[in-house]
Structure formats: C-alpha cells, structure tokens
Amino acid sequence: MRTTRPFGPHIAGFKNALTKAGLRQIRFHDLRHTFASLLIQDGQSLAYVQDQLGHSSIKLTVDVYGHLVPGANREAVNRLPTVDSETECEESDARVG
C-alpha cells in the first residue's frame, strides 16, 4: 500500500503558481484531462490518446473521452439504415391491428 503521493511535493508549487498567475484553483490531475481533450479536439485518434495517457486498454480511453470525438454521434446516426416513415407507420398499424 502506497502511503505517499507521487506528486506531493509538486502540488504546493502548482497551487502557488496558479495563485500568482491569478488563475482559479484546479486539481493537478485536471491537466491530464485537459491534455487528452486537446489531443482529441486536434483530431488525434483515441488509440494515440490511450498511448499518451498510458491507459491499459482502449476501452478505458473510449469510456472517459469517447464523447469528445468530433462528429462521432453524427457518424453513428448516418450509419443507421434509412426508413420510409410512411411505410413504417403502415407496417406498425398492420402488426397492432
């Protein structure tokens, strides 16, 4: 069991730098999320982000950052088969009736 924090000594310096720069206080770990988010916004692949963050699996990267992939939802919707709404309504009525 680890009893010390690996960045412990650096946290105080980080907080002091934020204060001196007039920035709001954030967690040191937030820099990691910002880095990943900026990579994705820049068009980098989730596989590259996984590698940069040292994630053991792509699933973890996708679970945490997948929602940031530009156009991912639109691409998924565009892959759905098109349905003629009139035909579907008629078929639905026939199944119910």
C-alpha atoms as a PDB file:
ATOM      1  CA  MET A   1       0.000   0.000   0.000  1.00  0.00           C
ATOM      2  CA  ARG A   2       1.401   3.368  -1.018  1.00  0.00           C
ATOM      3  CA  THR A   3       1.449   5.923   1.777  1.00  0.00           C
ATOM      4  CA  THR A   4       2.999   8.815  -0.099  1.00  0.00           C
ATOM      5  CA  ARG A   5       1.633  10.691  -3.070  1.00  0.00           C
ATOM      6  CA  PRO A   6       3.986  10.734  -6.058  1.00  0.00           C
ATOM      7  CA  PHE A   7       3.362  14.398  -6.875  1.00  0.00           C
ATOM      8  CA  GLY A   8       3.006  15.552  -3.273  1.00  0.00           C
ATOM      9  CA  PRO A   9       5.955  17.973  -3.228  1.00  0.00           C
ATOM     10  CA  HIS A  10       4.933  19.466  -6.563  1.00  0.00           C
ATOM     11  CA  ILE A  11       1.310  20.147  -5.644  1.00  0.00           C
ATOM     12  CA  ALA A  12       2.185  23.093  -3.387  1.00  0.00           C
ATOM     13  CA  GLY A  13       4.268  24.653  -6.165  1.00  0.00           C
ATOM     14  CA  PHE A  14       1.467  24.089  -8.651  1.00  0.00           C
ATOM     15  CA  LYS A  15      -1.084  25.745  -6.355  1.00  0.00           C
ATOM     16  CA  ASN A  16       1.280  28.677  -5.733  1.00  0.00           C
ATOM     17  CA  ALA A  17       1.814  29.135  -9.484  1.00  0.00           C
ATOM     18  CA  LEU A  18      -1.967  29.221 -10.043  1.00  0.00           C
ATOM     19  CA  THR A  19      -2.380  31.814  -7.304  1.00  0.00           C
ATOM     20  CA  LYS A  20       0.465  34.012  -8.593  1.00  0.00           C
ATOM     21  CA  ALA A  21      -0.953  33.840 -12.134  1.00  0.00           C
ATOM     22  CA  GLY A  22      -4.400  34.851 -10.852  1.00  0.00           C
ATOM     23  CA  LEU A  23      -5.957  31.581 -12.052  1.00  0.00           C
ATOM     24  CA  ARG A  24      -8.617  29.611 -10.272  1.00  0.00           C
ATOM     25  CA  GLN A  25      -7.510  26.573  -8.316  1.00  0.00           C
ATOM     26  CA  ILE A  26      -7.805  23.273 -10.162  1.00  0.00           C
ATOM     27  CA  ARG A  27      -6.611  19.774  -9.351  1.00  0.00           C
ATOM     28  CA  PHE A  28      -3.224  18.823 -10.755  1.00  0.00           C
ATOM     29  CA  HIS A  29      -4.937  15.785 -12.340  1.00  0.00           C
ATOM     30  CA  ASP A  30      -7.167  18.158 -14.356  1.00  0.00           C
ATOM     31  CA  LEU A  31      -4.126  18.916 -16.521  1.00  0.00           C
ATOM     32  CA  ARG A  32      -4.183  15.296 -17.686  1.00  0.00           C
ATOM     33  CA  HIS A  33      -7.823  15.582 -18.772  1.00  0.00           C
ATOM     34  CA  THR A  34      -7.138  18.896 -20.498  1.00  0.00           C
ATOM     35  CA  PHE A  35      -4.222  17.348 -22.384  1.00  0.00           C
ATOM     36  CA  ALA A  36      -6.369  14.424 -23.570  1.00  0.00           C
ATOM     37  CA  SER A  37      -9.252  16.715 -24.533  1.00  0.00           C
ATOM     38  CA  LEU A  38      -6.969  18.968 -26.564  1.00  0.00           C
ATOM     39  CA  LEU A  39      -5.481  15.982 -28.381  1.00  0.00           C
ATOM     40  CA  ILE A  40      -8.971  14.799 -29.361  1.00  0.00           C
ATOM     41  CA  GLN A  41     -10.047  18.286 -30.439  1.00  0.00           C
ATOM     42  CA  ASP A  42      -6.919  18.379 -32.587  1.00  0.00           C
ATOM     43  CA  GLY A  43      -8.124  15.235 -34.371  1.00  0.00           C
ATOM     44  CA  GLN A  44      -5.791  12.716 -32.771  1.00  0.00           C
ATOM     45  CA  SER A  45      -7.077   9.149 -32.611  1.00  0.00           C
ATOM     46  CA  LEU A  46      -8.280   7.608 -29.368  1.00  0.00           C
ATOM     47  CA  ALA A  47      -5.528   4.990 -29.807  1.00  0.00           C
ATOM     48  CA  TYR A  48      -2.946   7.791 -29.742  1.00  0.00           C
ATOM     49  CA  VAL A  49      -4.591   9.337 -26.669  1.00  0.00           C
ATOM     50  CA  GLN A  50      -4.566   5.919 -24.993  1.00  0.00           C
ATOM     51  CA  ASP A  51      -0.843   5.627 -25.659  1.00  0.00           C
ATOM     52  CA  GLN A  52      -0.085   9.146 -24.401  1.00  0.00           C
ATOM     53  CA  LEU A  53      -2.042   8.635 -21.179  1.00  0.00           C
ATOM     54  CA  GLY A  54      -0.717   5.132 -20.591  1.00  0.00           C
ATOM     55  CA  HIS A  55      -4.154   3.530 -20.389  1.00  0.00           C
ATOM     56  CA  SER A  56      -4.014  -0.261 -20.293  1.00  0.00           C
ATOM     57  CA  SER A  57      -6.971  -0.624 -22.665  1.00  0.00           C
ATOM     58  CA  ILE A  58      -8.681   1.378 -25.387  1.00  0.00           C
ATOM     59  CA  LYS A  59     -11.983   0.724 -23.577  1.00  0.00           C
ATOM     60  CA  LEU A  60     -10.917   2.946 -20.691  1.00  0.00           C
ATOM     61  CA  THR A  61      -9.952   5.740 -23.082  1.00  0.00           C
ATOM     62  CA  VAL A  62     -13.222   5.452 -25.018  1.00  0.00           C
ATOM     63  CA  ASP A  63     -15.296   5.325 -21.814  1.00  0.00           C
ATOM     64  CA  VAL A  64     -13.696   8.502 -20.465  1.00  0.00           C
ATOM     65  CA  TYR A  65     -13.085  10.535 -23.638  1.00  0.00           C
ATOM     66  CA  GLY A  66     -15.244   8.999 -26.375  1.00  0.00           C
ATOM     67  CA  HIS A  67     -17.908  11.684 -26.067  1.00  0.00           C
ATOM     68  CA  LEU A  68     -15.346  14.280 -27.144  1.00  0.00           C
ATOM     69  CA  VAL A  69     -14.669  12.763 -30.570  1.00  0.00           C
ATOM     70  CA  PRO A  70     -15.964  15.364 -33.047  1.00  0.00           C
ATOM     71  CA  GLY A  71     -18.821  14.083 -35.198  1.00  0.00           C
ATOM     72  CA  ALA A  72     -18.863  10.610 -33.642  1.00  0.00           C
ATOM     73  CA  ASN A  73     -22.583  10.748 -32.867  1.00  0.00           C
ATOM     74  CA  ARG A  74     -23.436  12.139 -36.300  1.00  0.00           C
ATOM     75  CA  GLU A  75     -21.404   9.385 -37.986  1.00  0.00           C
ATOM     76  CA  ALA A  76     -23.208   6.731 -35.931  1.00  0.00           C
ATOM     77  CA  VAL A  77     -26.609   8.138 -36.884  1.00  0.00           C
ATOM     78  CA  ASN A  78     -25.602   8.300 -40.546  1.00  0.00           C
ATOM     79  CA  ARG A  79     -24.756   4.575 -40.485  1.00  0.00           C
ATOM     80  CA  LEU A  80     -28.296   3.646 -39.425  1.00  0.00           C
ATOM     81  CA  PRO A  81     -30.464   2.295 -42.213  1.00  0.00           C
ATOM     82  CA  THR A  82     -32.925   4.777 -43.635  1.00  0.00           C
ATOM     83  CA  VAL A  83     -36.597   4.073 -43.020  1.00  0.00           C
ATOM     84  CA  ASP A  84     -39.529   5.371 -45.006  1.00  0.00           C
ATOM     85  CA  SER A  85     -41.746   6.788 -42.232  1.00  0.00           C
ATOM     86  CA  GLU A  86     -44.985   6.215 -44.158  1.00  0.00           C
ATOM     87  CA  THR A  87     -44.193   2.567 -44.827  1.00  0.00           C
ATOM     88  CA  GLU A  88     -43.117   2.015 -41.235  1.00  0.00           C
ATOM     89  CA  CYS A  89     -46.354   3.534 -39.878  1.00  0.00           C
ATOM     90  CA  GLU A  90     -48.434   1.287 -42.148  1.00  0.00           C
ATOM     91  CA  GLU A  91     -46.444  -1.810 -41.146  1.00  0.00           C
ATOM     92  CA  SER A  92     -46.740  -0.891 -37.478  1.00  0.00           C
ATOM     93  CA  ASP A  93     -50.517  -0.423 -37.785  1.00  0.00           C
ATOM     94  CA  ALA A  94     -50.827  -3.806 -39.527  1.00  0.00           C
ATOM     95  CA  ARG A  95     -48.927  -5.555 -36.688  1.00  0.00           C
ATOM     96  CA  VAL A  96     -51.080  -3.922 -33.994  1.00  0.00           C
ATOM     97  CA  GLY A  97     -54.433  -4.369 -35.791  1.00  0.00           C
END
